[in-house]
Amino acid sequence: MTFKLPLYLLVLASLIMSLNLASAADKPKFKSYQVKAVYVFRIANFVHWQNEADMQTLRFCVEGNEQVKKTLLSLLVGKEIRGLALQVSNELNANCDVAFISAIDSVSPLAKYGPSTLTIGDSADFTSLGGAIQLQTKGKRIKPLINLTNTSKADYVIGSSLMRIAKLEGVK
């Protein structure tokens, strides 16, 4: 005994399956805090500090987003950048080499960091408040925006590979 389906049922079944596959593909595979933590780590790979020869540890600080901090902690285990041990610090001060600051609305949170601290943030106006790199969310994508005016005053240099993939603003 053979079983035959009418053609319209086969077409309907394939349409339903393709819609289910398309909707599954549209769902983001990673949470935004995970993407931001990866960006913070990857960005640090493209930055060279003036005093890097004297450094033994590269200190990351996270302010305002515990999920990014926890994800960054798990990412850094067993890794190093150019021979420097990586550490996530609980102290938020000028000793931070890379500071991720989430959801700020004034310049004051940035005031504690010195010129050797690379500041990265996710607030809509982060670079206009003096931050170096803003992780902009456009639709479902996150892309870095580098303020060249702010980074020109810093004690570090951002590599050209990062500049090529980022949006740039400020003095060129």
C-alpha atoms as a PDB file:
ATOM      1  CA  MET A   1       0.000   0.000   0.000  1.00  0.00           C
ATOM      2  CA  THR A   2       1.462   3.340  -0.997  1.00  0.00           C
ATOM      3  CA  PHE A   3       0.512   6.602   0.578  1.00  0.00           C
ATOM      4  CA  LYS A   4       0.241   9.684  -1.621  1.00  0.00           C
ATOM      5  CA  LEU A   5      -0.161  13.247  -0.428  1.00  0.00           C
ATOM      6  CA  PRO A   6      -1.906  15.799  -2.588  1.00  0.00           C
ATOM      7  CA  LEU A   7       0.510  18.261  -4.181  1.00  0.00           C
ATOM      8  CA  TYR A   8      -0.885  21.257  -2.280  1.00  0.00           C
ATOM      9  CA  LEU A   9      -0.128  19.530   1.052  1.00  0.00           C
ATOM     10  CA  LEU A  10       3.471  18.917   0.003  1.00  0.00           C
ATOM     11  CA  VAL A  11       3.853  22.563  -1.017  1.00  0.00           C
ATOM     12  CA  LEU A  12       2.258  23.725   2.246  1.00  0.00           C
ATOM     13  CA  ALA A  13       4.520  21.456   4.332  1.00  0.00           C
ATOM     14  CA  SER A  14       7.674  22.677   2.585  1.00  0.00           C
ATOM     15  CA  LEU A  15       6.563  26.306   3.014  1.00  0.00           C
ATOM     16  CA  ILE A  16       6.001  25.798   6.747  1.00  0.00           C
ATOM     17  CA  MET A  17       9.407  24.127   7.129  1.00  0.00           C
ATOM     18  CA  SER A  18      11.178  26.937   5.274  1.00  0.00           C
ATOM     19  CA  LEU A  19       9.450  29.591   7.406  1.00  0.00           C
ATOM     20  CA  ASN A  20      10.514  27.788  10.590  1.00  0.00           C
ATOM     21  CA  LEU A  21      14.108  27.603   9.365  1.00  0.00           C
ATOM     22  CA  ALA A  22      14.106  31.277   8.387  1.00  0.00           C
ATOM     23  CA  SER A  23      12.766  32.408  11.759  1.00  0.00           C
ATOM     24  CA  ALA A  24      15.379  30.294  13.559  1.00  0.00           C
ATOM     25  CA  ALA A  25      18.120  31.899  11.452  1.00  0.00           C
ATOM     26  CA  ASP A  26      16.870  35.392  12.367  1.00  0.00           C
ATOM     27  CA  LYS A  27      17.294  34.789  16.095  1.00  0.00           C
ATOM     28  CA  PRO A  28      20.606  36.106  17.438  1.00  0.00           C
ATOM     29  CA  LYS A  29      22.987  33.360  18.485  1.00  0.00           C
ATOM     30  CA  PHE A  30      24.714  35.479  21.129  1.00  0.00           C
ATOM     31  CA  LYS A  31      23.440  37.927  23.742  1.00  0.00           C
ATOM     32  CA  SER A  32      24.533  41.566  23.380  1.00  0.00           C
ATOM     33  CA  TYR A  33      26.545  41.418  26.625  1.00  0.00           C
ATOM     34  CA  GLN A  34      28.505  38.449  25.226  1.00  0.00           C
ATOM     35  CA  VAL A  35      29.286  40.325  22.008  1.00  0.00           C
ATOM     36  CA  LYS A  36      30.369  43.388  23.996  1.00  0.00           C
ATOM     37  CA  ALA A  37      32.699  41.319  26.189  1.00  0.00           C
ATOM     38  CA  VAL A  38      34.296  39.755  23.109  1.00  0.00           C
ATOM     39  CA  TYR A  39      34.703  43.214  21.545  1.00  0.00           C
ATOM     40  CA  VAL A  40      36.417  44.527  24.695  1.00  0.00           C
ATOM     41  CA  PHE A  41      38.877  41.632  24.618  1.00  0.00           C
ATOM     42  CA  ARG A  42      39.476  41.802  20.849  1.00  0.00           C
ATOM     43  CA  ILE A  43      39.887  45.599  20.851  1.00  0.00           C
ATOM     44  CA  ALA A  44      42.616  45.296  23.509  1.00  0.00           C
ATOM     45  CA  ASN A  45      44.544  43.095  21.070  1.00  0.00           C
ATOM     46  CA  PHE A  46      44.801  46.033  18.640  1.00  0.00           C
ATOM     47  CA  VAL A  47      45.930  48.650  21.162  1.00  0.00           C
ATOM     48  CA  HIS A  48      49.568  49.296  22.089  1.00  0.00           C
ATOM     49  CA  TRP A  49      50.339  51.211  25.278  1.00  0.00           C
ATOM     50  CA  GLN A  50      53.372  53.517  25.449  1.00  0.00           C
ATOM     51  CA  ASN A  51      54.568  51.844  28.651  1.00  0.00           C
ATOM     52  CA  GLU A  52      53.776  48.309  27.456  1.00  0.00           C
ATOM     53  CA  ALA A  53      57.424  47.192  27.737  1.00  0.00           C
ATOM     54  CA  ASP A  54      57.217  47.849  31.497  1.00  0.00           C
ATOM     55  CA  MET A  55      53.813  46.210  31.969  1.00  0.00           C
ATOM     56  CA  GLN A  56      53.384  42.676  33.281  1.00  0.00           C
ATOM     57  CA  THR A  57      49.599  42.615  33.440  1.00  0.00           C
ATOM     58  CA  LEU A  58      46.848  44.119  31.335  1.00  0.00           C
ATOM     59  CA  ARG A  59      44.036  45.125  33.699  1.00  0.00           C
ATOM     60  CA  PHE A  60      40.434  45.201  32.492  1.00  0.00           C
ATOM     61  CA  CYS A  61      37.774  47.002  34.511  1.00  0.00           C
ATOM     62  CA  VAL A  62      34.019  46.797  33.946  1.00  0.00           C
ATOM     63  CA  GLU A  63      31.647  49.367  35.366  1.00  0.00           C
ATOM     64  CA  GLY A  64      27.868  49.133  35.220  1.00  0.00           C
ATOM     65  CA  ASN A  65      27.316  45.710  33.611  1.00  0.00           C
ATOM     66  CA  GLU A  66      27.905  42.547  35.645  1.00  0.00           C
ATOM     67  CA  GLN A  67      27.015  40.282  32.704  1.00  0.00           C
ATOM     68  CA  VAL A  68      29.805  41.788  30.582  1.00  0.00           C
ATOM     69  CA  LYS A  69      32.176  41.457  33.549  1.00  0.00           C
ATOM     70  CA  LYS A  70      31.359  37.772  34.121  1.00  0.00           C
ATOM     71  CA  THR A  71      31.635  36.983  30.419  1.00  0.00           C
ATOM     72  CA  LEU A  72      34.952  38.826  30.187  1.00  0.00           C
ATOM     73  CA  LEU A  73      36.260  36.915  33.216  1.00  0.00           C
ATOM     74  CA  SER A  74      35.483  33.613  31.500  1.00  0.00           C
ATOM     75  CA  LEU A  75      36.979  34.799  28.189  1.00  0.00           C
ATOM     76  CA  LEU A  76      40.302  35.828  29.699  1.00  0.00           C
ATOM     77  CA  VAL A  77      41.063  32.557  31.480  1.00  0.00           C
ATOM     78  CA  GLY A  78      44.395  31.244  30.231  1.00  0.00           C
ATOM     79  CA  LYS A  79      44.834  33.980  27.627  1.00  0.00           C
ATOM     80  CA  GLU A  80      47.393  36.730  27.259  1.00  0.00           C
ATOM     81  CA  ILE A  81      48.006  39.639  24.920  1.00  0.00           C
ATOM     82  CA  ARG A  82      51.562  40.061  23.630  1.00  0.00           C
ATOM     83  CA  GLY A  83      52.898  38.172  26.654  1.00  0.00           C
ATOM     84  CA  LEU A  84      50.907  40.204  29.194  1.00  0.00           C
ATOM     85  CA  ALA A  85      48.802  38.345  31.744  1.00  0.00           C
ATOM     86  CA  LEU A  86      45.148  39.414  31.655  1.00  0.00           C
ATOM     87  CA  GLN A  87      43.203  40.350  34.758  1.00  0.00           C
ATOM     88  CA  VAL A  88      39.733  41.702  35.479  1.00  0.00           C
ATOM     89  CA  SER A  89      40.019  44.156  38.361  1.00  0.00           C
ATOM     90  CA  ASN A  90      37.314  45.097  40.849  1.00  0.00           C
ATOM     91  CA  GLU A  91      38.906  48.499  41.411  1.00  0.00           C
ATOM     92  CA  LEU A  92      37.784  51.197  39.002  1.00  0.00           C
ATOM     93  CA  ASN A  93      40.560  53.764  38.832  1.00  0.00           C
ATOM     94  CA  ALA A  94      43.468  55.069  36.756  1.00  0.00           C
ATOM     95  CA  ASN A  95      45.246  51.690  37.125  1.00  0.00           C
ATOM     96  CA  CYS A  96      42.827  50.131  34.643  1.00  0.00           C
ATOM     97  CA  ASP A  97      44.342  49.642  31.208  1.00  0.00           C
ATOM     98  CA  VAL A  98      40.989  48.889  29.544  1.00  0.00           C
ATOM     99  CA  ALA A  99      37.754  50.139  31.095  1.00  0.00           C
ATOM    100  CA  PHE A 100      34.316  49.149  29.821  1.00  0.00           C
ATOM    101  CA  ILE A 101      31.748  51.589  31.146  1.00  0.00           C
ATOM    102  CA  SER A 102      28.090  50.835  30.571  1.00  0.00           C
ATOM    103  CA  ALA A 103      25.190  53.267  30.569  1.00  0.00           C
ATOM    104  CA  ILE A 104      26.760  56.570  31.609  1.00  0.00           C
ATOM    105  CA  ASP A 105      25.031  59.918  31.258  1.00  0.00           C
ATOM    106  CA  SER A 106      27.761  62.349  32.332  1.00  0.00           C
ATOM    107  CA  VAL A 107      31.508  62.915  32.096  1.00  0.00           C
ATOM    108  CA  SER A 108      32.120  62.134  35.792  1.00  0.00           C
ATOM    109  CA  PRO A 109      32.536  58.323  35.451  1.00  0.00           C
ATOM    110  CA  LEU A 110      35.309  58.928  32.905  1.00  0.00           C
ATOM    111  CA  ALA A 111      37.152  61.419  35.143  1.00  0.00           C
ATOM    112  CA  LYS A 112      38.736  58.682  37.299  1.00  0.00           C
ATOM    113  CA  TYR A 113      40.587  57.192  34.323  1.00  0.00           C
ATOM    114  CA  GLY A 114      43.911  58.573  33.121  1.00  0.00           C
ATOM    115  CA  PRO A 115      45.315  58.973  29.602  1.00  0.00           C
ATOM    116  CA  SER A 116      46.695  55.422  29.593  1.00  0.00           C
ATOM    117  CA  THR A 117      43.238  53.878  30.126  1.00  0.00           C
ATOM    118  CA  LEU A 118      41.405  52.828  26.986  1.00  0.00           C
ATOM    119  CA  THR A 119      37.756  53.652  27.670  1.00  0.00           C
ATOM    120  CA  ILE A 120      35.076  51.641  25.879  1.00  0.00           C
ATOM    121  CA  GLY A 121      31.368  52.167  26.443  1.00  0.00           C
ATOM    122  CA  ASP A 122      27.932  51.366  25.119  1.00  0.00           C
ATOM    123  CA  SER A 123      26.037  54.582  25.878  1.00  0.00           C
ATOM    124  CA  ALA A 124      24.636  56.432  22.865  1.00  0.00           C
ATOM    125  CA  ASP A 125      26.752  59.520  23.576  1.00  0.00           C
ATOM    126  CA  PHE A 126      29.836  57.819  25.027  1.00  0.00           C
ATOM    127  CA  THR A 127      32.404  59.392  22.692  1.00  0.00           C
ATOM    128  CA  SER A 128      30.849  62.853  23.012  1.00  0.00           C
ATOM    129  CA  LEU A 129      31.372  62.531  26.789  1.00  0.00           C
ATOM    130  CA  GLY A 130      35.094  61.883  26.225  1.00  0.00           C
ATOM    131  CA  GLY A 131      35.200  58.096  25.790  1.00  0.00           C
ATOM    132  CA  ALA A 132      37.560  56.554  23.245  1.00  0.00           C
ATOM    133  CA  ILE A 133      35.441  53.782  21.700  1.00  0.00           C
ATOM    134  CA  GLN A 134      31.685  53.424  21.675  1.00  0.00           C
ATOM    135  CA  LEU A 135      30.078  50.064  20.919  1.00  0.00           C
ATOM    136  CA  GLN A 136      27.161  51.221  18.767  1.00  0.00           C
ATOM    137  CA  THR A 137      24.109  49.042  18.328  1.00  0.00           C
ATOM    138  CA  LYS A 138      22.524  49.350  14.898  1.00  0.00           C
ATOM    139  CA  GLY A 139      19.624  46.955  14.484  1.00  0.00           C
ATOM    140  CA  LYS A 140      20.961  43.593  15.624  1.00  0.00           C
ATOM    141  CA  ARG A 141      24.633  44.476  15.048  1.00  0.00           C
ATOM    142  CA  ILE A 142      27.222  46.029  17.315  1.00  0.00           C
ATOM    143  CA  LYS A 143      30.033  48.013  15.718  1.00  0.00           C
ATOM    144  CA  PRO A 144      32.813  50.118  17.282  1.00  0.00           C
ATOM    145  CA  LEU A 145      32.924  53.887  16.837  1.00  0.00           C
ATOM    146  CA  ILE A 146      36.350  55.397  17.552  1.00  0.00           C
ATOM    147  CA  ASN A 147      36.673  59.065  18.442  1.00  0.00           C
ATOM    148  CA  LEU A 148      40.056  60.124  17.058  1.00  0.00           C
ATOM    149  CA  THR A 149      40.009  63.441  18.927  1.00  0.00           C
ATOM    150  CA  ASN A 150      39.708  61.626  22.260  1.00  0.00           C
ATOM    151  CA  THR A 151      42.283  58.964  21.420  1.00  0.00           C
ATOM    152  CA  SER A 152      44.831  61.514  20.180  1.00  0.00           C
ATOM    153  CA  LYS A 153      45.319  62.641  23.810  1.00  0.00           C
ATOM    154  CA  ALA A 154      45.929  59.097  25.055  1.00  0.00           C
ATOM    155  CA  ASP A 155      49.055  57.194  26.060  1.00  0.00           C
ATOM    156  CA  TYR A 156      48.232  54.350  23.683  1.00  0.00           C
ATOM    157  CA  VAL A 157      47.922  53.815  19.938  1.00  0.00           C
ATOM    158  CA  ILE A 158      45.048  52.048  18.225  1.00  0.00           C
ATOM    159  CA  GLY A 159      46.183  49.771  15.407  1.00  0.00           C
ATOM    160  CA  SER A 160      45.115  50.349  11.823  1.00  0.00           C
ATOM    161  CA  SER A 161      43.436  46.919  11.632  1.00  0.00           C
ATOM    162  CA  LEU A 162      40.880  48.043  14.202  1.00  0.00           C
ATOM    163  CA  MET A 163      40.487  51.425  12.509  1.00  0.00           C
ATOM    164  CA  ARG A 164      39.588  49.686   9.235  1.00  0.00           C
ATOM    165  CA  ILE A 165      36.592  47.853  10.729  1.00  0.00           C
ATOM    166  CA  ALA A 166      35.370  50.692  12.944  1.00  0.00           C
ATOM    167  CA  LYS A 167      33.449  53.838  12.202  1.00  0.00           C
ATOM    168  CA  LEU A 168      35.665  56.884  12.850  1.00  0.00           C
ATOM    169  CA  GLU A 169      34.758  60.332  14.120  1.00  0.00           C
ATOM    170  CA  GLY A 170      36.777  63.375  15.097  1.00  0.00           C
ATOM    171  CA  VAL A 171      40.092  64.701  13.811  1.00  0.00           C
ATOM    172  CA  LYS A 172      41.751  62.522  11.173  1.00  0.00           C
END
